[in-house]
Amino acid sequence: MSASIFEQSLAAAPAVVIPSATRVVRLPDPLPMKLGGVLEAVDMAYESWGEPNGANTVLLFTGLSPSAHAASSPEDPEPGWWEDMIGPGRALDTGRFHVVCVNSLGSCFGSSGPASPDPATGRVYGTDFPELSLEDVALAARRLLDVLGIEHLHTVMGASMGGMSALAFARANPERFDNLSLISTAAVPSAYAIALRSLQREIVRSDPAWQKGAYPPGAGPRQGMCLARKLGMTTYRAAEEWEQRFGHKRIDALRRRAVPFAMEFEVESYLEHQAQKFCDQFDANCYLYLSRAVDRFDLCEDGCDVTELFAGAAPRHVQIIGVHTDTLFPPSQQAWLSEAFGRAGAQVDVRVLDCLQGHDAFLVDTEQFGRIIGEFFAAL
């Protein structure tokens, strides 16, 4: 192992920064976890845009890595991860809707998770945090809505892991919302996606600095996290886009390091940049917990049918969007959701888009996604 890699492996764990507009609420009651255990004290982080009027709230669940900062606001002008989608006149028109984005339970941007202090000991939970499921994420979000006094939702929506969290919320609370918007997601993960995430988790756990999850502040598994993120990045985008953007382009000779097998290609440099940025922001144990929660999700895990789950209480309208080049959540999974909700009695609008960006298209091709999502909400 070279000195530079060794130093990276022992580099300081990320100092998690909670966006300034994020509000953190302590839930009034302990939270029972689906897979066992109880969280006695639970903090939930969220941001909101627009004004509530009793029937216009849109609950937005995030993917695995984003914070609740989906868009800028007067309190925080920093662009959010869905900046072009939320605001006056945009797809999620804050002149009409009150948008609430929650940071998932188990994450590291204000909500309770493995990086949070255990109130019983004062020490960071680490792997003493209870086993996490997306049903727990949904329950914590519902408890947050209770605190905020939001009894009924216009729409529940989410993309990727957030779409699964939205499905978990919908299953548990069919009476609390009218419409559902599911983007690049599935009722159950594919074996291919599970295999990829399992390998990513193994890479993190194989870094000696992980220390079985008991790494002290300032000594997290940075190298493992960077490698896991690089593997993830290769699956978030489509092969066609990689070819168009980078092809066989090489890094300028002045930027190359004089070490064996140093980065030579532009695509390698891009992956390195993205990995380092992610490792500066995200906690390793939170990553492991959320990643495994995605793999465990199954909307129909007890063998029931969607028509049984929503018997007499199906969403009025269900929007389902997929992307042809998405290998993590392929169009066949959106087709299954479309057919299932149609049988349950919902009015379904399903679209499969021709985007080069693969799974990340909902973050990148906001022109297409914005138009389709905007049309869906405008018709409701």
Protein backbone atom coordinates (compact mmCIF):
# COMPACT_ATOMS: atom_id res chain seq x y z
CA MET A 1 0.00 0.00 0.00
CA SER A 2 1.44 3.35 -1.00
CA ALA A 3 1.85 6.10 1.55
CA SER A 4 -0.81 8.26 -0.14
CA ILE A 5 -3.44 5.51 0.01
CA PHE A 6 -2.54 4.73 3.62
CA GLU A 7 -2.92 8.39 4.52
CA GLN A 8 -6.27 8.54 2.74
CA SER A 9 -7.46 5.48 4.64
CA LEU A 10 -6.69 7.18 7.94
CA ALA A 11 -7.96 10.57 6.88
CA ALA A 12 -10.43 12.37 9.07
CA ALA A 13 -13.98 11.10 8.96
CA PRO A 14 -16.33 13.57 7.32
CA ALA A 15 -17.45 16.48 9.44
CA VAL A 16 -21.14 16.29 8.59
CA VAL A 17 -22.57 19.68 7.77
CA ILE A 18 -26.32 20.17 8.12
CA PRO A 19 -27.62 22.77 5.63
CA SER A 20 -28.55 26.01 7.36
CA ALA A 21 -32.22 25.89 6.30
CA THR A 22 -32.68 22.39 7.70
CA ARG A 23 -34.91 22.13 10.73
CA VAL A 24 -34.44 19.30 13.22
CA VAL A 25 -37.38 18.08 15.30
CA ARG A 26 -37.21 15.72 18.27
CA LEU A 27 -40.09 13.25 18.00
CA PRO A 28 -42.15 13.10 21.20
CA ASP A 29 -42.25 9.29 21.50
CA PRO A 30 -39.80 6.39 21.12
CA LEU A 31 -39.73 4.75 17.70
CA PRO A 32 -40.17 0.97 17.49
CA MET A 33 -38.03 -0.51 14.73
CA LYS A 34 -39.41 -3.15 12.37
CA LEU A 35 -36.49 -5.56 12.81
CA GLY A 36 -36.23 -5.17 16.57
CA GLY A 37 -35.17 -2.57 19.07
CA VAL A 38 -36.51 0.85 19.94
CA LEU A 39 -35.02 4.28 19.42
CA GLU A 40 -35.79 6.13 22.62
CA ALA A 41 -34.94 9.58 21.27
CA VAL A 42 -35.37 10.36 17.57
CA ASP A 43 -34.43 13.51 15.69
CA MET A 44 -35.83 14.11 12.22
CA ALA A 45 -34.44 16.71 9.82
CA TYR A 46 -36.48 18.34 7.09
CA GLU A 47 -36.80 21.39 4.85
CA SER A 48 -39.92 22.89 3.34
CA TRP A 49 -40.94 25.32 0.60
CA GLY A 50 -44.28 27.00 -0.03
CA GLU A 51 -47.14 27.50 2.39
CA PRO A 52 -49.45 24.77 3.69
CA ASN A 53 -53.18 25.25 3.25
CA GLY A 54 -54.43 21.95 4.63
CA ALA A 55 -54.54 19.96 1.41
CA ASN A 56 -51.48 20.86 -0.62
CA THR A 57 -48.48 19.20 1.05
CA VAL A 58 -46.16 17.06 -1.06
CA LEU A 59 -43.95 14.71 0.98
CA LEU A 60 -40.63 14.11 -0.78
CA PHE A 61 -38.38 11.19 0.19
CA THR A 62 -34.73 11.32 -0.89
CA GLY A 63 -32.39 8.76 -2.35
CA LEU A 64 -29.66 7.19 -0.24
CA SER A 65 -27.15 10.02 -0.10
CA PRO A 66 -28.92 13.42 -0.32
CA SER A 67 -29.83 15.64 2.60
CA ALA A 68 -33.21 17.34 3.00
CA HIS A 69 -31.81 20.34 1.11
CA ALA A 70 -33.60 19.66 -2.17
CA ALA A 71 -33.81 23.34 -3.17
CA SER A 72 -32.56 26.76 -2.15
CA SER A 73 -34.54 29.12 0.06
CA PRO A 74 -34.12 32.58 1.60
CA GLU A 75 -32.59 30.86 4.64
CA ASP A 76 -30.10 28.95 2.49
CA PRO A 77 -29.43 30.17 -1.08
CA GLU A 78 -27.15 27.19 -1.82
CA PRO A 79 -28.67 25.19 -4.71
CA GLY A 80 -30.27 21.92 -3.63
CA TRP A 81 -30.04 18.48 -5.18
CA TRP A 82 -33.37 19.04 -7.06
CA GLU A 83 -33.01 22.79 -7.49
CA ASP A 84 -34.59 22.98 -10.95
CA MET A 85 -37.67 21.04 -9.85
CA ILE A 86 -38.88 22.94 -6.77
CA GLY A 87 -39.93 26.57 -6.73
CA PRO A 88 -42.42 29.08 -8.15
CA GLY A 89 -43.56 27.99 -11.60
CA ARG A 90 -41.46 24.81 -11.54
CA ALA A 91 -42.65 21.20 -11.65
CA LEU A 92 -43.28 21.27 -7.91
CA ASP A 93 -44.77 24.74 -7.96
CA THR A 94 -44.36 26.27 -4.51
CA GLY A 95 -46.95 28.88 -5.42
CA ARG A 96 -49.44 26.02 -5.27
CA PHE A 97 -47.82 23.29 -3.19
CA HIS A 98 -46.17 22.99 0.20
CA VAL A 99 -43.19 20.68 -0.35
CA VAL A 100 -41.65 18.88 2.63
CA CYS A 101 -38.42 16.96 2.06
CA VAL A 102 -37.32 14.64 4.89
CA ASN A 103 -33.82 13.45 5.61
CA SER A 104 -34.12 9.70 6.04
CA LEU A 105 -33.85 8.08 9.42
CA GLY A 106 -30.39 6.46 9.41
CA SER A 107 -28.80 9.24 7.39
CA CYS A 108 -26.18 11.69 8.62
CA PHE A 109 -27.67 15.10 7.84
CA GLY A 110 -29.65 15.80 11.00
CA SER A 111 -31.87 12.74 11.38
CA SER A 112 -30.97 10.08 13.92
CA GLY A 113 -28.65 7.42 12.57
CA PRO A 114 -25.46 5.49 13.21
CA ALA A 115 -23.47 8.76 13.25
CA SER A 116 -25.69 10.25 15.98
CA PRO A 117 -24.93 10.14 19.70
CA ASP A 118 -26.75 7.45 21.65
CA PRO A 119 -28.56 9.37 24.42
CA ALA A 120 -28.07 6.43 26.77
CA THR A 121 -24.28 6.52 26.53
CA GLY A 122 -23.35 9.85 24.96
CA ARG A 123 -21.25 7.98 22.41
CA VAL A 124 -21.92 7.70 18.69
CA TYR A 125 -24.18 4.73 17.95
CA GLY A 126 -22.03 3.19 15.24
CA THR A 127 -23.17 -0.39 14.68
CA ASP A 128 -25.12 -0.32 17.96
CA PHE A 129 -27.81 1.53 16.01
CA PRO A 130 -30.78 -0.84 15.54
CA GLU A 131 -31.21 -2.72 12.28
CA LEU A 132 -32.79 -0.32 9.79
CA SER A 133 -35.60 -0.84 7.27
CA LEU A 134 -37.28 1.53 4.87
CA GLU A 135 -40.47 0.90 6.82
CA ASP A 136 -38.67 2.62 9.73
CA VAL A 137 -37.82 5.52 7.42
CA ALA A 138 -41.50 5.81 6.49
CA LEU A 139 -42.70 5.56 10.09
CA ALA A 140 -40.29 8.28 11.24
CA ALA A 141 -41.52 10.54 8.42
CA ARG A 142 -45.13 9.94 9.46
CA ARG A 143 -44.29 10.80 13.06
CA LEU A 144 -42.63 14.00 11.81
CA LEU A 145 -45.81 14.93 9.92
CA ASP A 146 -47.76 14.42 13.14
CA VAL A 147 -45.47 16.86 14.94
CA LEU A 148 -45.88 19.37 12.11
CA GLY A 149 -49.65 19.04 12.26
CA ILE A 150 -49.94 17.75 8.68
CA GLU A 151 -52.78 15.24 8.70
CA HIS A 152 -53.25 14.61 5.01
CA LEU A 153 -50.93 14.77 2.00
CA HIS A 154 -51.67 15.78 -1.55
CA THR A 155 -48.89 13.52 -2.86
CA VAL A 156 -46.17 11.23 -1.58
CA MET A 157 -43.19 11.01 -3.91
CA GLY A 158 -39.62 9.80 -4.12
CA ALA A 159 -36.90 8.66 -6.49
CA SER A 160 -34.61 5.63 -6.23
CA MET A 161 -34.46 4.62 -2.54
CA GLY A 162 -36.88 7.50 -1.94
CA GLY A 163 -39.43 5.80 -4.18
CA MET A 164 -39.18 2.67 -2.06
CA SER A 165 -39.61 4.77 1.09
CA ALA A 166 -42.67 6.36 -0.55
CA LEU A 167 -44.07 2.87 -1.23
CA ALA A 168 -43.42 1.87 2.38
CA PHE A 169 -45.24 5.00 3.54
CA ALA A 170 -48.12 4.33 1.13
CA ARG A 171 -48.51 0.76 2.33
CA ALA A 172 -48.60 1.75 6.01
CA ASN A 173 -50.68 4.93 5.62
CA PRO A 174 -53.11 4.63 2.68
CA GLU A 175 -55.51 7.02 4.38
CA ARG A 176 -52.94 9.81 4.75
CA PHE A 177 -52.45 10.78 1.07
CA ASP A 178 -54.21 11.09 -2.30
CA ASN A 179 -51.56 10.63 -4.98
CA LEU A 180 -48.24 8.87 -5.49
CA SER A 181 -45.25 9.75 -7.68
CA LEU A 182 -42.62 7.02 -8.09
CA ILE A 183 -39.43 7.80 -9.98
CA SER A 184 -36.76 5.30 -11.05
CA THR A 185 -37.70 2.87 -8.30
CA ALA A 186 -39.15 -0.59 -7.68
CA ALA A 187 -41.32 -2.66 -5.38
CA VAL A 188 -38.36 -4.95 -4.69
CA PRO A 189 -34.67 -4.63 -5.69
CA SER A 190 -33.25 -6.83 -8.42
CA ALA A 191 -30.62 -9.47 -7.65
CA TYR A 192 -28.22 -7.50 -9.85
CA ALA A 193 -28.67 -4.32 -7.79
CA ILE A 194 -28.36 -6.26 -4.53
CA ALA A 195 -25.12 -7.83 -5.75
CA LEU A 196 -23.65 -4.42 -6.59
CA ARG A 197 -24.61 -2.85 -3.27
CA SER A 198 -23.37 -5.92 -1.40
CA LEU A 199 -19.99 -5.53 -3.07
CA GLN A 200 -19.91 -1.85 -2.18
CA ARG A 201 -20.60 -2.67 1.47
CA GLU A 202 -17.90 -5.35 1.44
CA ILE A 203 -15.38 -2.84 0.08
CA VAL A 204 -16.15 -0.45 2.95
CA ARG A 205 -16.00 -3.20 5.57
CA SER A 206 -12.70 -4.47 4.13
CA ASP A 207 -10.97 -1.18 4.86
CA PRO A 208 -9.02 -1.76 8.12
CA ALA A 209 -10.01 1.73 9.21
CA TRP A 210 -13.65 0.64 9.44
CA GLN A 211 -12.78 -1.31 12.61
CA LYS A 212 -16.04 -3.30 12.53
CA GLY A 213 -17.95 -0.06 12.65
CA ALA A 214 -16.24 1.21 15.79
CA TYR A 215 -13.96 3.74 14.09
CA PRO A 216 -13.26 6.75 16.30
CA PRO A 217 -13.82 10.32 15.19
CA GLY A 218 -11.08 11.29 12.75
CA ALA A 219 -10.29 7.77 11.53
CA GLY A 220 -13.06 6.58 9.25
CA PRO A 221 -12.73 4.11 6.33
CA ARG A 222 -12.19 6.76 3.69
CA GLN A 223 -10.42 4.57 1.16
CA GLY A 224 -13.14 1.93 1.31
CA MET A 225 -15.83 4.58 0.96
CA CYS A 226 -14.09 6.13 -2.04
CA LEU A 227 -13.79 2.80 -3.82
CA ALA A 228 -17.40 1.92 -3.06
CA ARG A 229 -18.53 5.27 -4.42
CA LYS A 230 -16.53 4.78 -7.61
CA LEU A 231 -18.21 1.43 -8.18
CA GLY A 232 -21.58 3.04 -7.50
CA MET A 233 -20.92 5.88 -9.92
CA THR A 234 -20.24 3.43 -12.75
CA THR A 235 -23.74 1.98 -12.24
CA TYR A 236 -25.62 5.27 -11.84
CA ARG A 237 -24.91 6.33 -15.42
CA ALA A 238 -25.28 4.48 -18.71
CA ALA A 239 -22.41 3.11 -20.79
CA GLU A 240 -23.42 5.30 -23.73
CA GLU A 241 -23.01 8.44 -21.65
CA TRP A 242 -19.60 7.37 -20.35
CA GLU A 243 -18.48 6.89 -23.95
CA GLN A 244 -19.84 10.24 -25.13
CA ARG A 245 -18.38 12.19 -22.21
CA PHE A 246 -14.98 10.56 -21.86
CA GLY A 247 -14.27 8.02 -24.58
CA HIS A 248 -10.55 7.20 -24.54
CA LYS A 249 -9.41 10.68 -23.48
CA ARG A 250 -6.27 10.81 -21.40
CA ILE A 251 -5.37 13.17 -18.59
CA ASP A 252 -2.95 15.91 -19.50
CA ALA A 253 0.59 14.71 -18.85
CA LEU A 254 1.19 17.53 -16.35
CA ARG A 255 -1.63 16.19 -14.15
CA ARG A 256 -0.33 12.63 -13.99
CA ARG A 257 1.51 11.37 -10.94
CA ALA A 258 4.81 9.54 -11.22
CA VAL A 259 3.67 6.39 -9.39
CA PRO A 260 2.91 2.92 -10.76
CA PHE A 261 -0.55 2.57 -12.28
CA ALA A 262 -1.47 6.18 -11.58
CA MET A 263 -4.62 7.60 -13.14
CA GLU A 264 -4.23 7.97 -16.88
CA PHE A 265 -7.73 8.52 -18.28
CA GLU A 266 -10.22 11.34 -17.85
CA VAL A 267 -12.92 8.94 -16.70
CA GLU A 268 -10.64 7.86 -13.84
CA SER A 269 -10.15 11.47 -12.82
CA TYR A 270 -13.90 12.04 -12.84
CA LEU A 271 -14.54 9.02 -10.62
CA GLU A 272 -11.84 10.14 -8.21
CA HIS A 273 -13.33 13.62 -7.93
CA GLN A 274 -16.82 12.30 -7.30
CA ALA A 275 -15.58 9.78 -4.75
CA GLN A 276 -13.57 12.30 -2.77
CA LYS A 277 -16.53 14.71 -2.71
CA PHE A 278 -18.83 11.98 -1.40
CA CYS A 279 -16.36 10.86 1.25
CA ASP A 280 -16.11 14.42 2.51
CA GLN A 281 -19.85 14.43 3.18
CA PHE A 282 -21.12 10.99 4.17
CA ASP A 283 -20.62 8.71 7.15
CA ALA A 284 -19.60 5.11 6.41
CA ASN A 285 -21.92 3.38 8.88
CA CYS A 286 -24.88 5.43 7.66
CA TYR A 287 -24.02 4.35 4.14
CA LEU A 288 -23.93 0.67 5.16
CA TYR A 289 -27.22 0.84 7.05
CA LEU A 290 -29.14 2.61 4.30
CA SER A 291 -27.67 0.45 1.55
CA ARG A 292 -28.77 -2.73 3.29
CA ALA A 293 -32.21 -1.27 4.04
CA VAL A 294 -32.70 -0.81 0.29
CA ASP A 295 -31.77 -4.44 -0.37
CA ARG A 296 -34.20 -5.68 2.29
CA PHE A 297 -37.22 -3.80 0.97
CA ASP A 298 -40.09 -5.80 -0.50
CA LEU A 299 -43.47 -4.13 -0.90
CA CYS A 300 -45.22 -7.52 -0.98
CA GLU A 301 -42.93 -9.38 1.42
CA ASP A 302 -45.77 -11.24 3.10
CA GLY A 303 -46.99 -12.66 -0.19
CA CYS A 304 -49.94 -10.33 -0.56
CA ASP A 305 -50.90 -8.56 -3.75
CA VAL A 306 -50.94 -4.78 -4.25
CA THR A 307 -54.71 -5.01 -4.67
CA GLU A 308 -54.87 -6.45 -1.13
CA LEU A 309 -52.52 -3.80 0.26
CA PHE A 310 -54.67 -0.97 -1.05
CA ALA A 311 -58.08 -2.63 -0.95
CA GLY A 312 -60.61 0.18 -0.92
CA ALA A 313 -57.87 2.79 -0.41
CA ALA A 314 -55.80 2.89 -3.60
CA PRO A 315 -54.14 6.20 -4.47
CA ARG A 316 -56.25 8.30 -6.82
CA HIS A 317 -53.41 8.91 -9.26
CA VAL A 318 -50.04 7.16 -9.50
CA GLN A 319 -47.22 8.56 -11.60
CA ILE A 320 -44.45 6.12 -12.51
CA ILE A 321 -41.33 7.22 -14.39
CA GLY A 322 -38.46 5.04 -15.56
CA VAL A 323 -35.49 5.36 -17.90
CA HIS A 324 -34.53 2.94 -20.66
CA THR A 325 -30.83 3.11 -19.77
CA ASP A 326 -31.31 2.54 -16.02
CA THR A 327 -29.73 -0.81 -15.09
CA LEU A 328 -30.24 -0.48 -11.32
CA PHE A 329 -34.01 0.07 -11.58
CA PRO A 330 -34.84 -1.09 -15.14
CA PRO A 331 -38.13 -0.33 -16.94
CA SER A 332 -39.46 -3.82 -16.21
CA GLN A 333 -39.73 -2.82 -12.55
CA GLN A 334 -41.76 0.29 -13.39
CA ALA A 335 -43.97 -1.83 -15.66
CA TRP A 336 -44.69 -4.14 -12.71
CA LEU A 337 -45.67 -1.19 -10.53
CA SER A 338 -47.88 0.23 -13.27
CA GLU A 339 -49.76 -3.03 -13.75
CA ALA A 340 -50.12 -3.62 -10.00
CA PHE A 341 -51.48 -0.18 -9.17
CA GLY A 342 -53.76 -0.32 -12.19
CA ARG A 343 -55.29 -3.53 -10.85
CA ALA A 344 -55.65 -1.87 -7.44
CA GLY A 345 -57.88 0.78 -9.03
CA ALA A 346 -55.53 3.75 -9.33
CA GLN A 347 -55.34 5.93 -12.41
CA VAL A 348 -51.77 5.28 -13.56
CA ASP A 349 -49.55 7.45 -15.73
CA VAL A 350 -46.39 5.52 -16.64
CA ARG A 351 -43.53 6.97 -18.72
CA VAL A 352 -40.22 5.41 -19.76
CA LEU A 353 -37.80 8.06 -20.96
CA ASP A 354 -34.96 7.96 -23.44
CA CYS A 355 -32.23 9.53 -21.34
CA LEU A 356 -28.51 8.87 -21.65
CA GLN A 357 -27.84 9.37 -17.95
CA GLY A 358 -29.15 6.03 -16.69
CA HIS A 359 -30.32 5.89 -13.09
CA ASP A 360 -29.11 9.43 -12.36
CA ALA A 361 -31.27 10.90 -15.10
CA PHE A 362 -33.84 12.25 -12.62
CA LEU A 363 -31.05 14.38 -11.13
CA VAL A 364 -29.53 15.44 -14.44
CA ASP A 365 -32.19 15.58 -17.16
CA THR A 366 -34.43 17.91 -15.20
CA GLU A 367 -35.87 19.34 -18.42
CA GLN A 368 -37.58 16.07 -19.33
CA PHE A 369 -38.42 15.08 -15.78
CA GLY A 370 -39.59 18.57 -14.93
CA ARG A 371 -41.98 18.66 -17.87
CA ILE A 372 -43.52 15.27 -17.10
CA ILE A 373 -43.77 15.78 -13.34
CA GLY A 374 -45.13 19.29 -13.90
CA GLU A 375 -47.83 17.94 -16.23
CA PHE A 376 -48.80 15.32 -13.68
CA PHE A 377 -49.21 17.83 -10.85
CA ALA A 378 -50.93 20.39 -13.07
CA ALA A 379 -53.65 17.85 -13.87
CA LEU A 380 -54.40 17.00 -10.23
